[in-house]
Structures are given as C-alpha cells and as structure tokens.
Amino acid sequence: MRDFRKLKIWELAHLLVLNIYEITKLFPKEELYGLTSQLRRASVSIPTNIAEGCGKESNKDFARYLNIALGSLSEVQYLLYLVRELNYVSEEKVSVLETNANDLKKMIYSYQSKLSNT
C-alpha cells in the first residue's frame, strides 16, 4: 500500500488545487456555478484520483487512476486557457498555473511509465 502524501505528483497536484481555489476567488460572481465550479472540481479530481489509485493493490490499477487524473488535468489546462481568453485573471497568474499543470502532466506520465515497467 502506498501513502499518497509521500508522492511528489500528489503534492504538486494538491498545490495546483490550492492555487486554483485562490484564482477562482477573482472570477466574476456570475461564474460561481459555472466556470468557477467546473475548474475547482476538475482540479480536485487530480489529487483525488492519485490518492485513490494509491489505495489499489496492483500497479495496473494505480496506473488506471493516474490516467483518470491526466484526463482531469487536461480539462484544467483547457479551462485555464479559457480563463485567459476571458481575461478573468492576470496573464501572469494564468501562465504560472499553466506551467505548473504542464510540469505535473510530465511527472505523472513519467511515474505512470515507471509503474508499467515494474
């Protein structure tokens, strides 16, 4: 059994969620049940699936949950693109989150690859 809190990919995913919650506070109030909710739910899904996968016995099962996390991460990346297009948050803040999301995606792919080799 793995402890998800010891995984760098979980730690970075968790930090991404915290940062997304911060920026979504800046969104227009009419987006509370739209884009704000969607971006928050998609981001929370990433570390949640990493944590859930850690509870699985086989590497194959864990890799499947990492794949789901990658899907949610792609959704977050699109929503960040949309946020940029709508000018809801400064270019600088969105760029930092996009860089973090790209780095996390690479790390998850790498970790997933190591799982399939063991």
C-alpha atoms as a PDB file:
ATOM      1  CA  MET A   1       0.000   0.000   0.000  1.00  0.00           C
ATOM      2  CA  ARG A   2       1.284   3.447  -0.939  1.00  0.00           C
ATOM      3  CA  ASP A   3       0.971   6.660   1.060  1.00  0.00           C
ATOM      4  CA  PHE A   4      -0.231   9.273  -1.418  1.00  0.00           C
ATOM      5  CA  ARG A   5       1.108  12.095   0.766  1.00  0.00           C
ATOM      6  CA  LYS A   6       4.640  10.882   0.084  1.00  0.00           C
ATOM      7  CA  LEU A   7       4.282  11.166  -3.691  1.00  0.00           C
ATOM      8  CA  LYS A   8       5.662  14.287  -5.361  1.00  0.00           C
ATOM      9  CA  ILE A   9       2.931  14.082  -8.026  1.00  0.00           C
ATOM     10  CA  TRP A  10       0.230  14.198  -5.348  1.00  0.00           C
ATOM     11  CA  GLU A  11       1.944  17.080  -3.572  1.00  0.00           C
ATOM     12  CA  LEU A  12       2.145  19.130  -6.784  1.00  0.00           C
ATOM     13  CA  ALA A  13      -1.444  18.272  -7.689  1.00  0.00           C
ATOM     14  CA  HIS A  14      -2.580  19.402  -4.252  1.00  0.00           C
ATOM     15  CA  LEU A  15      -0.693  22.700  -4.618  1.00  0.00           C
ATOM     16  CA  LEU A  16      -2.320  23.209  -8.010  1.00  0.00           C
ATOM     17  CA  VAL A  17      -5.748  22.821  -6.381  1.00  0.00           C
ATOM     18  CA  LEU A  18      -4.893  25.367  -3.695  1.00  0.00           C
ATOM     19  CA  ASN A  19      -3.713  27.846  -6.323  1.00  0.00           C
ATOM     20  CA  ILE A  20      -6.802  27.300  -8.450  1.00  0.00           C
ATOM     21  CA  TYR A  21      -9.030  27.968  -5.464  1.00  0.00           C
ATOM     22  CA  GLU A  22      -7.157  31.244  -4.962  1.00  0.00           C
ATOM     23  CA  ILE A  23      -7.547  32.448  -8.546  1.00  0.00           C
ATOM     24  CA  THR A  24     -11.179  31.400  -8.819  1.00  0.00           C
ATOM     25  CA  LYS A  25     -11.977  33.782  -5.970  1.00  0.00           C
ATOM     26  CA  LEU A  26     -11.229  36.523  -8.506  1.00  0.00           C
ATOM     27  CA  PHE A  27     -13.748  35.280 -11.076  1.00  0.00           C
ATOM     28  CA  PRO A  28     -16.987  37.202 -11.660  1.00  0.00           C
ATOM     29  CA  LYS A  29     -19.758  36.170  -9.266  1.00  0.00           C
ATOM     30  CA  GLU A  30     -21.949  35.025 -12.173  1.00  0.00           C
ATOM     31  CA  GLU A  31     -19.357  32.275 -12.797  1.00  0.00           C
ATOM     32  CA  LEU A  32     -19.760  30.779  -9.308  1.00  0.00           C
ATOM     33  CA  TYR A  33     -21.877  27.863 -10.558  1.00  0.00           C
ATOM     34  CA  GLY A  34     -20.221  27.735 -13.964  1.00  0.00           C
ATOM     35  CA  LEU A  35     -16.545  28.115 -14.664  1.00  0.00           C
ATOM     36  CA  THR A  36     -15.523  28.511 -11.006  1.00  0.00           C
ATOM     37  CA  SER A  37     -17.220  25.267 -10.016  1.00  0.00           C
ATOM     38  CA  GLN A  38     -16.008  23.368 -13.091  1.00  0.00           C
ATOM     39  CA  LEU A  39     -12.382  24.422 -12.681  1.00  0.00           C
ATOM     40  CA  ARG A  40     -12.394  23.617  -8.970  1.00  0.00           C
ATOM     41  CA  ARG A  41     -13.986  20.193  -9.464  1.00  0.00           C
ATOM     42  CA  ALA A  42     -11.623  19.260 -12.289  1.00  0.00           C
ATOM     43  CA  SER A  43      -8.574  20.320 -10.287  1.00  0.00           C
ATOM     44  CA  VAL A  44      -9.674  18.465  -7.140  1.00  0.00           C
ATOM     45  CA  SER A  45     -10.144  15.339  -9.239  1.00  0.00           C
ATOM     46  CA  ILE A  46      -6.403  15.183  -9.971  1.00  0.00           C
ATOM     47  CA  PRO A  47      -5.006  14.599  -6.456  1.00  0.00           C
ATOM     48  CA  THR A  48      -8.150  12.680  -5.519  1.00  0.00           C
ATOM     49  CA  ASN A  49      -7.535  10.107  -8.241  1.00  0.00           C
ATOM     50  CA  ILE A  50      -3.854   9.889  -7.354  1.00  0.00           C
ATOM     51  CA  ALA A  51      -4.827   9.216  -3.734  1.00  0.00           C
ATOM     52  CA  GLU A  52      -7.472   6.674  -4.719  1.00  0.00           C
ATOM     53  CA  GLY A  53      -5.034   4.891  -7.016  1.00  0.00           C
ATOM     54  CA  CYS A  54      -2.575   4.595  -4.139  1.00  0.00           C
ATOM     55  CA  GLY A  55      -5.147   2.503  -2.328  1.00  0.00           C
ATOM     56  CA  LYS A  56      -5.222  -0.085  -5.102  1.00  0.00           C
ATOM     57  CA  GLU A  57      -3.135  -3.208  -4.843  1.00  0.00           C
ATOM     58  CA  SER A  58      -1.761  -3.517  -8.343  1.00  0.00           C
ATOM     59  CA  ASN A  59       0.373  -1.160 -10.378  1.00  0.00           C
ATOM     60  CA  LYS A  60      -2.030  -1.666 -13.268  1.00  0.00           C
ATOM     61  CA  ASP A  61      -4.953  -0.357 -11.202  1.00  0.00           C
ATOM     62  CA  PHE A  62      -2.888   2.543  -9.918  1.00  0.00           C
ATOM     63  CA  ALA A  63      -1.850   3.421 -13.489  1.00  0.00           C
ATOM     64  CA  ARG A  64      -5.531   3.491 -14.475  1.00  0.00           C
ATOM     65  CA  TYR A  65      -6.262   6.081 -11.778  1.00  0.00           C
ATOM     66  CA  LEU A  66      -3.276   8.108 -12.918  1.00  0.00           C
ATOM     67  CA  ASN A  67      -4.806   8.049 -16.390  1.00  0.00           C
ATOM     68  CA  ILE A  68      -8.044   9.471 -14.985  1.00  0.00           C
ATOM     69  CA  ALA A  69      -6.013  12.154 -13.189  1.00  0.00           C
ATOM     70  CA  LEU A  70      -4.360  13.015 -16.510  1.00  0.00           C
ATOM     71  CA  GLY A  71      -7.790  13.442 -18.096  1.00  0.00           C
ATOM     72  CA  SER A  72      -8.810  15.849 -15.354  1.00  0.00           C
ATOM     73  CA  LEU A  73      -5.524  17.676 -15.740  1.00  0.00           C
ATOM     74  CA  SER A  74      -6.195  18.140 -19.455  1.00  0.00           C
ATOM     75  CA  GLU A  75      -9.605  19.553 -18.553  1.00  0.00           C
ATOM     76  CA  VAL A  76      -7.934  22.012 -16.156  1.00  0.00           C
ATOM     77  CA  GLN A  77      -5.500  23.028 -18.881  1.00  0.00           C
ATOM     78  CA  TYR A  78      -8.350  23.858 -21.245  1.00  0.00           C
ATOM     79  CA  LEU A  79     -10.227  25.768 -18.549  1.00  0.00           C
ATOM     80  CA  LEU A  80      -7.109  27.800 -17.792  1.00  0.00           C
ATOM     81  CA  TYR A  81      -6.884  28.597 -21.499  1.00  0.00           C
ATOM     82  CA  LEU A  82     -10.496  29.765 -21.364  1.00  0.00           C
ATOM     83  CA  VAL A  83      -9.833  31.867 -18.260  1.00  0.00           C
ATOM     84  CA  ARG A  84      -7.007  33.561 -20.151  1.00  0.00           C
ATOM     85  CA  GLU A  85      -9.249  34.228 -23.157  1.00  0.00           C
ATOM     86  CA  LEU A  86     -11.961  35.700 -20.927  1.00  0.00           C
ATOM     87  CA  ASN A  87      -9.435  37.891 -19.083  1.00  0.00           C
ATOM     88  CA  TYR A  88     -10.721  36.770 -15.674  1.00  0.00           C
ATOM     89  CA  VAL A  89      -7.242  36.637 -14.149  1.00  0.00           C
ATOM     90  CA  SER A  90      -3.938  38.295 -14.966  1.00  0.00           C
ATOM     91  CA  GLU A  91      -1.816  36.766 -17.698  1.00  0.00           C
ATOM     92  CA  GLU A  92       0.973  36.232 -15.186  1.00  0.00           C
ATOM     93  CA  LYS A  93      -1.161  34.171 -12.781  1.00  0.00           C
ATOM     94  CA  VAL A  94      -2.579  32.012 -15.558  1.00  0.00           C
ATOM     95  CA  SER A  95       0.887  31.434 -17.053  1.00  0.00           C
ATOM     96  CA  VAL A  96       2.235  30.199 -13.729  1.00  0.00           C
ATOM     97  CA  LEU A  97      -0.669  27.761 -13.354  1.00  0.00           C
ATOM     98  CA  GLU A  98      -0.280  26.557 -16.944  1.00  0.00           C
ATOM     99  CA  THR A  99       3.416  25.910 -16.351  1.00  0.00           C
ATOM    100  CA  ASN A 100       2.616  24.037 -13.140  1.00  0.00           C
ATOM    101  CA  ALA A 101      -0.017  21.961 -14.944  1.00  0.00           C
ATOM    102  CA  ASN A 102       2.401  21.097 -17.777  1.00  0.00           C
ATOM    103  CA  ASP A 103       5.122  20.102 -15.327  1.00  0.00           C
ATOM    104  CA  LEU A 104       2.680  17.963 -13.363  1.00  0.00           C
ATOM    105  CA  LYS A 105       1.475  16.247 -16.535  1.00  0.00           C
ATOM    106  CA  LYS A 106       5.039  15.296 -17.467  1.00  0.00           C
ATOM    107  CA  MET A 107       5.683  13.967 -13.975  1.00  0.00           C
ATOM    108  CA  ILE A 108       2.512  11.861 -13.958  1.00  0.00           C
ATOM    109  CA  TYR A 109       3.380  10.380 -17.366  1.00  0.00           C
ATOM    110  CA  SER A 110       6.865   9.561 -16.109  1.00  0.00           C
ATOM    111  CA  TYR A 111       5.544   7.977 -12.903  1.00  0.00           C
ATOM    112  CA  GLN A 112       2.978   6.007 -14.886  1.00  0.00           C
ATOM    113  CA  SER A 113       5.723   4.734 -17.159  1.00  0.00           C
ATOM    114  CA  LYS A 114       7.754   3.533 -14.177  1.00  0.00           C
ATOM    115  CA  LEU A 115       4.712   1.667 -12.851  1.00  0.00           C
ATOM    116  CA  SER A 116       4.301  -0.280 -16.080  1.00  0.00           C
ATOM    117  CA  ASN A 117       7.985  -1.257 -16.039  1.00  0.00           C
ATOM    118  CA  THR A 118       7.798  -2.888 -12.622  1.00  0.00           C
END
